[in-house]
Amino acid sequence: MQKQVFQGDCLDYLASGTHLPELDVTFLDPPFNQDKDYNYHNDKLSDEDYWQWMAQISHQIYERTSKGGALYFMQREKNTEFVLRCLRETDWTFQNLIIWKKMTSAVPGTSRYGKHYQIIAFATKGKAPRVFNKLRISPPLPANYKYERENGMFVTDVWDDIRELTSGYFAGDEALRRDNGERFHAQQAPIALLLRIILSSSAIGDVVFDPFAGTGTTLVVAKQLGRGTVGAEIDPDNVACIETRLKSIREADSITRFYKDYIHTDKLNEIWPNTSPVKVNSDEPDMLDLPLFRGFG
């Protein structure tokens, strides 16, 4: 396959023509227009300009997606109505609104309930997904349950078992850090989140796309699952980070530790390769000797 990471604006990449492969799954996690300090993006657009930009990207992805292919669009909970309108107006068929419930304390509010989740809109090109694997997981039993589940439970539209990479202790070894221990990126996506998305909506050999590839978590997971990987990222420091992660998978990036979570999934070996397509490097430290930057997550 062609180069896995395109350095530049994702719209330029999507509009660049026939070299782009047909896409099967896209994870769209854009900057949220919160006036954050990015090196290569103005994060303080007007609402009209921002959602017009999101519509352009959604449309371009739709045009290059296989029939029944999937889009997972992550956003702040306050923007739910805009996400759904954006998908509807660019011809995507809405399937689910996934609630990714955070495990850390809720953000308090003075005049409304505290915020404790993000939304991920799952949509397809056409009425039905080309691939949808019904995953089974075995989360801890609620306090009022008496018996263990023999075969786990199907994944629902509430994901409360995936920890975000928060600052401090809970970020663990998975969070990319510099030699001085400083976080390489404050909004790095967790491996477990992308693993669930890619396992649910793709088959081995399908192409996974991330238009805001950030530090490359989507591509790192897709590669280990035997999927084709394509990403666009505007920040050159982020691109260098992605290429480093793809060249030699860190032990902290290995998906192997999550296999047991899905052991009750029917025909799991058909969607999760028995052997990893990449060598996991457990010798290199999880530090990155790259210049300080502020890029997409």
Protein backbone atom coordinates (compact mmCIF):
# COMPACT_ATOMS: atom_id res chain seq x y z
CA MET A 1 0.00 0.00 0.00
CA GLN A 2 1.02 3.62 -0.52
CA LYS A 3 2.51 5.82 2.18
CA GLN A 4 0.53 5.35 5.39
CA VAL A 5 0.61 8.96 6.58
CA PHE A 6 0.01 12.01 4.38
CA GLN A 7 1.50 15.20 5.83
CA GLY A 8 -0.91 18.02 5.13
CA ASP A 9 -4.53 19.11 5.31
CA CYS A 10 -6.95 16.18 5.15
CA LEU A 11 -9.18 17.99 2.65
CA ASP A 12 -6.24 18.38 0.28
CA TYR A 13 -5.55 14.68 0.63
CA LEU A 14 -9.17 13.65 0.14
CA ALA A 15 -9.50 15.86 -2.93
CA SER A 16 -6.21 14.80 -4.47
CA GLY A 17 -7.58 12.07 -6.71
CA THR A 18 -7.28 8.45 -7.60
CA HIS A 19 -4.27 7.52 -5.43
CA LEU A 20 -6.52 7.39 -2.37
CA PRO A 21 -7.77 3.82 -1.74
CA GLU A 22 -11.42 3.04 -1.12
CA LEU A 23 -12.10 3.57 2.58
CA ASP A 24 -13.94 1.05 4.76
CA VAL A 25 -13.82 2.64 8.23
CA THR A 26 -13.04 6.23 9.21
CA PHE A 27 -12.46 7.57 12.70
CA LEU A 28 -13.16 11.31 12.61
CA ASP A 29 -11.88 13.00 15.77
CA PRO A 30 -11.33 16.63 14.74
CA PRO A 31 -10.24 19.61 16.84
CA PHE A 32 -13.32 20.75 18.76
CA ASN A 33 -13.10 24.50 18.08
CA GLN A 34 -12.32 25.29 21.72
CA ASP A 35 -9.69 27.98 21.08
CA LYS A 36 -6.79 25.63 21.84
CA ASP A 37 -3.30 26.59 20.77
CA TYR A 38 -2.40 24.44 17.74
CA ASN A 39 0.65 25.04 15.58
CA TYR A 40 -1.13 24.52 12.25
CA HIS A 41 -4.80 25.19 12.88
CA ASN A 42 -7.02 28.06 13.95
CA ASP A 43 -9.18 26.53 16.68
CA LYS A 44 -11.38 29.60 17.02
CA LEU A 45 -13.51 29.53 13.90
CA SER A 46 -17.03 30.88 13.78
CA ASP A 47 -19.63 28.16 14.35
CA GLU A 48 -20.77 28.52 10.75
CA ASP A 49 -17.26 28.11 9.35
CA TYR A 50 -16.45 25.21 11.64
CA TRP A 51 -19.49 23.13 10.75
CA GLN A 52 -19.14 23.96 7.08
CA TRP A 53 -15.59 22.57 7.37
CA MET A 54 -16.89 19.42 9.08
CA ALA A 55 -19.49 19.01 6.33
CA GLN A 56 -16.83 19.28 3.61
CA ILE A 57 -14.73 16.62 5.31
CA SER A 58 -17.71 14.32 5.92
CA HIS A 59 -18.77 14.66 2.28
CA GLN A 60 -15.30 13.93 0.92
CA ILE A 61 -14.99 10.86 3.15
CA TYR A 62 -18.42 9.67 2.02
CA GLU A 63 -17.42 9.95 -1.64
CA ARG A 64 -14.38 7.73 -1.05
CA THR A 65 -15.99 5.17 1.24
CA SER A 66 -17.04 1.68 0.15
CA LYS A 67 -20.76 0.82 0.04
CA GLY A 68 -21.77 0.06 3.61
CA GLY A 69 -18.53 1.52 4.96
CA ALA A 70 -18.54 3.15 8.39
CA LEU A 71 -17.81 6.56 9.86
CA TYR A 72 -17.28 7.15 13.59
CA PHE A 73 -17.52 10.88 14.33
CA MET A 74 -16.39 11.89 17.84
CA GLN A 75 -17.38 15.22 19.37
CA ARG A 76 -18.31 17.06 22.56
CA GLU A 77 -21.72 16.18 23.95
CA LYS A 78 -22.94 19.78 23.45
CA ASN A 79 -22.45 19.42 19.69
CA THR A 80 -24.59 16.33 19.22
CA GLU A 81 -27.29 18.08 17.18
CA PHE A 82 -24.67 19.59 14.84
CA VAL A 83 -22.95 16.24 14.30
CA LEU A 84 -26.22 14.53 13.40
CA ARG A 85 -27.21 17.34 11.05
CA CYS A 86 -23.77 17.24 9.43
CA LEU A 87 -24.08 13.50 8.78
CA ARG A 88 -27.62 13.81 7.46
CA GLU A 89 -26.74 16.63 5.07
CA THR A 90 -23.75 14.72 3.67
CA ASP A 91 -25.82 11.56 2.97
CA TRP A 92 -24.57 9.33 5.79
CA THR A 93 -27.09 6.99 7.41
CA PHE A 94 -27.13 7.33 11.18
CA GLN A 95 -26.90 4.04 13.09
CA ASN A 96 -26.00 4.74 16.73
CA LEU A 97 -25.08 7.52 19.10
CA ILE A 98 -22.38 5.96 21.25
CA ILE A 99 -21.91 7.38 24.72
CA TRP A 100 -18.28 7.13 25.79
CA LYS A 101 -18.61 7.58 29.54
CA LYS A 102 -15.43 8.83 31.17
CA MET A 103 -13.98 7.12 34.22
CA THR A 104 -12.60 10.26 35.80
CA SER A 105 -14.66 12.78 37.75
CA ALA A 106 -17.27 14.72 35.82
CA VAL A 107 -16.55 18.30 34.82
CA PRO A 108 -18.72 20.32 37.26
CA GLY A 109 -21.24 22.93 36.16
CA THR A 110 -22.79 25.83 38.03
CA SER A 111 -26.13 25.86 36.21
CA ARG A 112 -26.41 22.35 34.72
CA TYR A 113 -25.39 18.76 35.38
CA GLY A 114 -21.71 17.90 35.25
CA LYS A 115 -20.29 16.60 31.96
CA HIS A 116 -19.19 12.99 32.09
CA TYR A 117 -19.08 11.69 28.51
CA GLN A 118 -18.29 12.33 24.86
CA ILE A 119 -20.39 11.22 21.92
CA ILE A 120 -19.35 9.10 18.96
CA ALA A 121 -21.84 9.05 16.09
CA PHE A 122 -21.74 5.79 14.13
CA ALA A 123 -22.98 6.14 10.55
CA THR A 124 -22.76 4.15 7.32
CA LYS A 125 -22.75 4.74 3.60
CA GLY A 126 -26.13 3.23 2.83
CA LYS A 127 -28.84 1.83 5.07
CA ALA A 128 -26.87 -1.12 6.41
CA PRO A 129 -23.22 -1.64 7.30
CA ARG A 130 -21.17 -3.85 4.99
CA VAL A 131 -19.45 -5.26 8.09
CA PHE A 132 -20.71 -5.24 11.64
CA ASN A 133 -19.18 -7.70 14.07
CA LYS A 134 -21.27 -8.20 17.22
CA LEU A 135 -18.61 -8.09 19.88
CA ARG A 136 -19.04 -9.66 23.29
CA ILE A 137 -17.24 -8.35 26.37
CA SER A 138 -17.06 -9.35 30.05
CA PRO A 139 -17.12 -6.17 32.14
CA PRO A 140 -17.36 -6.41 35.94
CA LEU A 141 -20.83 -7.33 37.18
CA PRO A 142 -22.99 -4.52 38.58
CA ALA A 143 -23.49 -4.64 42.34
CA ASN A 144 -27.04 -6.04 42.10
CA TYR A 145 -26.12 -9.00 39.85
CA LYS A 146 -25.99 -12.43 41.51
CA TYR A 147 -24.52 -14.68 38.82
CA GLU A 148 -21.56 -14.31 36.49
CA ARG A 149 -22.32 -14.09 32.78
CA GLU A 150 -21.09 -17.33 31.19
CA ASN A 151 -20.63 -15.81 27.73
CA GLY A 152 -20.22 -12.14 28.53
CA MET A 153 -22.55 -9.57 26.98
CA PHE A 154 -22.92 -7.81 23.66
CA VAL A 155 -21.34 -4.38 23.34
CA THR A 156 -24.04 -1.72 23.59
CA ASP A 157 -24.10 1.98 22.69
CA VAL A 158 -22.81 2.95 26.16
CA TRP A 159 -19.07 2.44 26.52
CA ASP A 160 -18.23 2.83 30.18
CA ASP A 161 -15.39 0.30 30.35
CA ILE A 162 -12.71 2.22 28.40
CA ARG A 163 -10.54 4.59 30.38
CA GLU A 164 -9.43 7.84 28.78
CA LEU A 165 -5.73 8.70 28.98
CA THR A 166 -6.06 11.29 31.71
CA SER A 167 -3.14 13.24 33.08
CA GLY A 168 -1.16 11.75 35.92
CA TYR A 169 -1.32 8.15 37.08
CA PHE A 170 -4.21 6.91 34.95
CA ALA A 171 -2.45 7.75 31.69
CA GLY A 172 -0.05 4.90 32.52
CA ASP A 173 2.61 3.62 30.15
CA GLU A 174 0.37 4.05 27.11
CA ALA A 175 0.63 7.86 27.16
CA LEU A 176 3.50 9.08 24.98
CA ARG A 177 6.04 11.05 26.96
CA ARG A 178 9.24 12.97 26.34
CA ASP A 179 12.55 12.28 28.01
CA ASN A 180 11.66 14.73 30.76
CA GLY A 181 8.41 12.83 31.51
CA GLU A 182 6.19 15.52 29.98
CA ARG A 183 3.16 14.28 28.03
CA PHE A 184 3.76 14.38 24.28
CA HIS A 185 0.08 15.05 23.70
CA ALA A 186 -2.65 15.85 26.21
CA GLN A 187 -5.49 14.37 24.12
CA GLN A 188 -4.03 11.06 22.98
CA ALA A 189 -6.76 8.52 22.19
CA PRO A 190 -6.65 5.19 24.05
CA ILE A 191 -5.79 1.98 22.24
CA ALA A 192 -8.91 0.28 23.66
CA LEU A 193 -11.24 2.83 22.03
CA LEU A 194 -9.90 2.37 18.52
CA LEU A 195 -9.66 -1.38 18.97
CA ARG A 196 -13.41 -1.61 19.61
CA ILE A 197 -14.29 0.61 16.65
CA ILE A 198 -12.05 -1.20 14.18
CA LEU A 199 -13.04 -4.69 15.38
CA SER A 200 -16.74 -3.80 15.17
CA SER A 201 -16.80 -2.34 11.67
CA SER A 202 -14.08 -3.94 9.59
CA ALA A 203 -12.63 -7.20 8.33
CA ILE A 204 -8.99 -8.18 7.94
CA GLY A 205 -7.66 -6.40 4.86
CA ASP A 206 -10.12 -3.49 5.02
CA VAL A 207 -8.80 0.08 4.88
CA VAL A 208 -8.99 2.25 8.00
CA PHE A 209 -8.67 6.03 7.64
CA ASP A 210 -8.01 8.80 10.16
CA PRO A 211 -8.17 12.34 8.71
CA PHE A 212 -6.78 13.89 11.92
CA ALA A 213 -4.27 11.20 12.70
CA GLY A 214 -2.62 13.08 15.58
CA THR A 215 -0.21 10.72 17.32
CA GLY A 216 -1.35 7.76 15.22
CA THR A 217 -3.34 5.56 17.60
CA THR A 218 -5.88 4.62 14.90
CA LEU A 219 -3.13 3.51 12.53
CA VAL A 220 -1.20 1.66 15.23
CA VAL A 221 -4.26 -0.41 16.14
CA ALA A 222 -5.34 -1.00 12.54
CA LYS A 223 -1.90 -2.26 11.57
CA GLN A 224 -1.86 -4.82 14.37
CA LEU A 225 -5.30 -6.04 13.30
CA GLY A 226 -4.17 -6.65 9.73
CA ARG A 227 -6.11 -3.73 8.27
CA GLY A 228 -4.81 -1.24 5.73
CA THR A 229 -3.82 2.05 7.36
CA VAL A 230 -4.21 5.53 5.89
CA GLY A 231 -3.93 8.80 7.79
CA ALA A 232 -3.64 12.51 7.18
CA GLU A 233 -1.93 14.83 9.67
CA ILE A 234 -1.01 18.46 9.22
CA ASP A 235 1.64 18.79 11.95
CA PRO A 236 5.08 17.46 10.87
CA ASP A 237 6.05 16.65 14.46
CA ASN A 238 2.96 14.51 14.78
CA VAL A 239 3.80 12.77 11.51
CA ALA A 240 7.28 11.95 12.83
CA CYS A 241 5.65 10.54 15.97
CA ILE A 242 3.27 8.36 13.93
CA GLU A 243 6.05 7.00 11.75
CA THR A 244 8.05 6.09 14.84
CA ARG A 245 5.09 4.28 16.41
CA LEU A 246 4.31 2.37 13.22
CA LYS A 247 7.93 1.36 12.61
CA SER A 248 8.23 -0.45 15.93
CA ILE A 249 5.12 -1.05 18.04
CA ARG A 250 5.76 -0.24 21.69
CA GLU A 251 4.79 -2.81 24.28
CA ALA A 252 2.34 -0.24 25.69
CA ASP A 253 0.68 0.01 22.24
CA SER A 254 0.23 -3.74 21.83
CA ILE A 255 -3.39 -4.84 21.49
CA THR A 256 -2.62 -8.32 22.87
CA ARG A 257 -3.57 -7.43 26.43
CA PHE A 258 -7.16 -6.73 25.33
CA TYR A 259 -7.74 -10.09 23.63
CA LYS A 260 -9.21 -11.64 26.77
CA ASP A 261 -11.83 -8.87 26.92
CA TYR A 262 -13.38 -10.15 23.68
CA ILE A 263 -12.83 -13.88 24.14
CA HIS A 264 -16.60 -14.62 24.06
CA THR A 265 -17.02 -12.97 20.63
CA ASP A 266 -18.20 -15.46 18.01
CA LYS A 267 -15.49 -16.31 15.45
CA LEU A 268 -13.07 -13.83 16.99
CA ASN A 269 -10.16 -15.41 15.11
CA GLU A 270 -11.73 -14.31 11.83
CA ILE A 271 -11.51 -10.61 12.70
CA TRP A 272 -8.48 -10.63 15.02
CA PRO A 273 -5.37 -12.17 13.43
CA ASN A 274 -3.80 -14.97 15.46
CA THR A 275 -0.38 -13.44 14.96
CA SER A 276 0.44 -9.76 15.03
CA PRO A 277 1.60 -8.39 11.62
CA VAL A 278 4.19 -6.24 13.37
CA LYS A 279 7.01 -6.84 15.82
CA VAL A 280 6.33 -5.47 19.28
CA ASN A 281 9.34 -3.65 20.70
CA SER A 282 9.55 -3.98 24.46
CA ASP A 283 13.15 -2.76 24.71
CA GLU A 284 12.75 0.87 23.68
CA PRO A 285 11.55 3.32 26.37
CA ASP A 286 8.17 5.00 25.87
CA MET A 287 9.80 8.41 25.51
CA LEU A 288 10.03 10.49 22.36
CA ASP A 289 12.94 12.79 21.66
CA LEU A 290 10.99 15.22 19.48
CA PRO A 291 10.53 19.02 19.65
CA LEU A 292 7.74 20.38 21.83
CA PHE A 293 4.55 20.84 19.87
CA ARG A 294 0.83 21.40 20.15
CA GLY A 295 -0.93 19.23 17.58
CA PHE A 296 -4.16 17.36 16.97
CA GLY A 297 -5.07 14.45 19.20
